Protein backbone atom coordinates (compact mmCIF):
# COMPACT_ATOMS: atom_id res chain seq x y z
CA UNK A 1 14.89 -38.04 33.66
CA UNK A 2 17.91 -38.84 35.80
CA UNK A 3 21.38 -37.57 35.00
CA UNK A 4 22.44 -41.15 34.20
CA UNK A 5 19.53 -41.52 31.75
CA UNK A 6 20.44 -38.19 30.17
CA UNK A 7 24.04 -39.31 29.66
CA UNK A 8 22.83 -42.59 28.13
CA UNK A 9 21.03 -40.63 25.38
CA UNK A 10 24.08 -38.53 24.56
CA UNK A 11 26.65 -39.23 21.85
CA UNK A 12 30.08 -40.08 23.26
CA UNK A 13 32.79 -38.17 21.41
CA UNK A 14 36.25 -39.52 22.14
CA UNK A 15 39.53 -37.58 21.87
CA UNK A 16 40.57 -39.35 18.66
CA UNK A 17 37.42 -38.04 16.96
CA UNK A 18 37.18 -34.54 18.46
CA UNK A 19 40.83 -33.53 18.77
CA UNK A 20 40.14 -32.67 22.42
CA UNK A 21 42.17 -34.30 25.21
CA UNK A 22 38.98 -35.58 26.92
CA UNK A 23 35.65 -37.23 26.12
CA UNK A 24 32.64 -34.98 25.53
CA UNK A 25 28.95 -35.81 25.35
CA UNK A 26 26.49 -34.12 23.01
CA UNK A 27 22.82 -34.90 23.26
CA UNK A 28 19.26 -33.91 22.44
CA UNK A 29 17.30 -31.45 24.56
CA UNK A 30 15.17 -34.17 26.14
CA UNK A 31 11.57 -34.41 27.20
CA UNK A 32 10.42 -32.51 29.09
CA UNK A 33 12.73 -29.79 27.81
CA UNK A 34 15.15 -28.37 30.37
CA UNK A 35 15.00 -24.75 31.48
CA UNK A 36 18.42 -24.04 30.00
CA UNK A 37 19.79 -23.62 26.49
CA UNK A 38 22.25 -25.90 24.70
CA UNK A 39 24.87 -27.58 26.89
CA UNK A 40 27.42 -30.33 26.54
CA UNK A 41 29.08 -32.48 29.17
CA UNK A 42 32.86 -32.69 29.33
CA UNK A 43 34.97 -35.23 31.18
CA UNK A 44 37.17 -33.43 33.70
CA UNK A 45 39.83 -36.13 33.14
CA UNK A 46 41.82 -36.52 29.96
CA UNK A 47 41.43 -39.70 27.91
CA UNK A 48 38.49 -41.92 26.98
CA UNK A 49 37.04 -41.94 30.50
CA UNK A 50 33.27 -41.67 30.87
CA UNK A 51 32.30 -41.15 34.50
CA UNK A 52 29.12 -39.17 35.16
CA UNK A 53 30.51 -38.16 38.56
CA UNK A 54 33.53 -36.51 36.91
CA UNK A 55 31.95 -34.22 34.33
CA UNK A 56 31.78 -30.50 33.77
CA UNK A 57 28.87 -28.84 32.00
CA UNK A 58 29.63 -26.23 29.35
CA UNK A 59 26.95 -23.95 27.90
CA UNK A 60 27.16 -23.45 24.13
CA UNK A 61 25.31 -20.16 23.62
CA UNK A 62 25.65 -17.24 23.48
CA UNK A 63 29.33 -18.03 24.08
CA UNK A 64 30.85 -21.19 25.54
CA UNK A 65 31.12 -20.95 29.32
CA UNK A 66 31.61 -23.31 32.24
CA UNK A 67 28.35 -23.93 34.11
CA UNK A 68 29.38 -26.60 36.64
CA UNK A 69 32.47 -28.63 37.35
CA UNK A 70 36.09 -27.70 36.85
CA UNK A 71 38.24 -27.38 33.75
CA UNK A 72 41.65 -25.80 33.48
CA UNK A 73 41.80 -22.56 31.52
CA UNK A 74 43.60 -24.41 28.71
CA UNK A 75 40.98 -27.19 28.60
CA UNK A 76 38.10 -24.71 28.61
CA UNK A 77 39.77 -22.81 25.76
CA UNK A 78 40.06 -26.04 23.72
CA UNK A 79 36.45 -27.02 24.46
CA UNK A 80 35.33 -23.51 23.47
CA UNK A 81 37.27 -23.76 20.20
CA UNK A 82 35.66 -27.16 19.51
CA UNK A 83 32.20 -25.76 20.27
CA UNK A 84 32.74 -22.80 17.91
CA UNK A 85 33.85 -25.21 15.18
CA UNK A 86 30.79 -27.44 15.70
CA UNK A 87 28.09 -25.11 17.04
CA UNK A 88 25.64 -25.62 14.16
CA UNK A 89 25.89 -29.43 14.44
CA UNK A 90 25.62 -29.35 18.27
CA UNK A 91 22.53 -27.12 18.13
CA UNK A 92 20.90 -29.24 15.41
CA UNK A 93 21.39 -32.37 17.52
CA UNK A 94 20.12 -30.58 20.68
CA UNK A 95 17.01 -29.45 18.81
CA UNK A 96 16.35 -32.97 17.48
CA UNK A 97 17.04 -32.04 13.87
CA UNK A 98 19.85 -34.58 13.56
CA UNK A 99 20.62 -38.00 14.94
CA UNK A 100 23.82 -38.95 16.74
CA UNK A 101 25.05 -40.49 13.48
CA UNK A 102 24.30 -37.31 11.54
CA UNK A 103 26.01 -35.28 14.25
CA UNK A 104 29.11 -37.45 13.97
CA UNK A 105 29.14 -37.04 10.20
CA UNK A 106 28.92 -33.24 10.51
CA UNK A 107 31.34 -32.89 13.41
CA UNK A 108 34.71 -31.31 12.72
CA UNK A 109 37.86 -32.33 14.55
CA UNK A 110 40.13 -29.74 16.13
CA UNK A 111 43.39 -29.48 14.18
């Protein structure tokens, strides 16, 4: 599966919904399963932008950490806070136990 196909299957979470300053993508593990654990993609630009060439990858477990790309320390801290708040929902969606709609219903917005 190409990176563009992978992004197509992911749920787009805009700043107004997440409380983050940038768009994030949360998706299922895929088939065949990747060799890594749960990850999300994060736009490196603030706003509703969705460019695959401008994304960072953040691992969810065991603790949020930047895998590829660049995020400021402040942005990574916010993304980490959002992941902690939504880890159960992110993992359930990754594991295929919830749909994108169910994920959105379970997702909590940063204050």
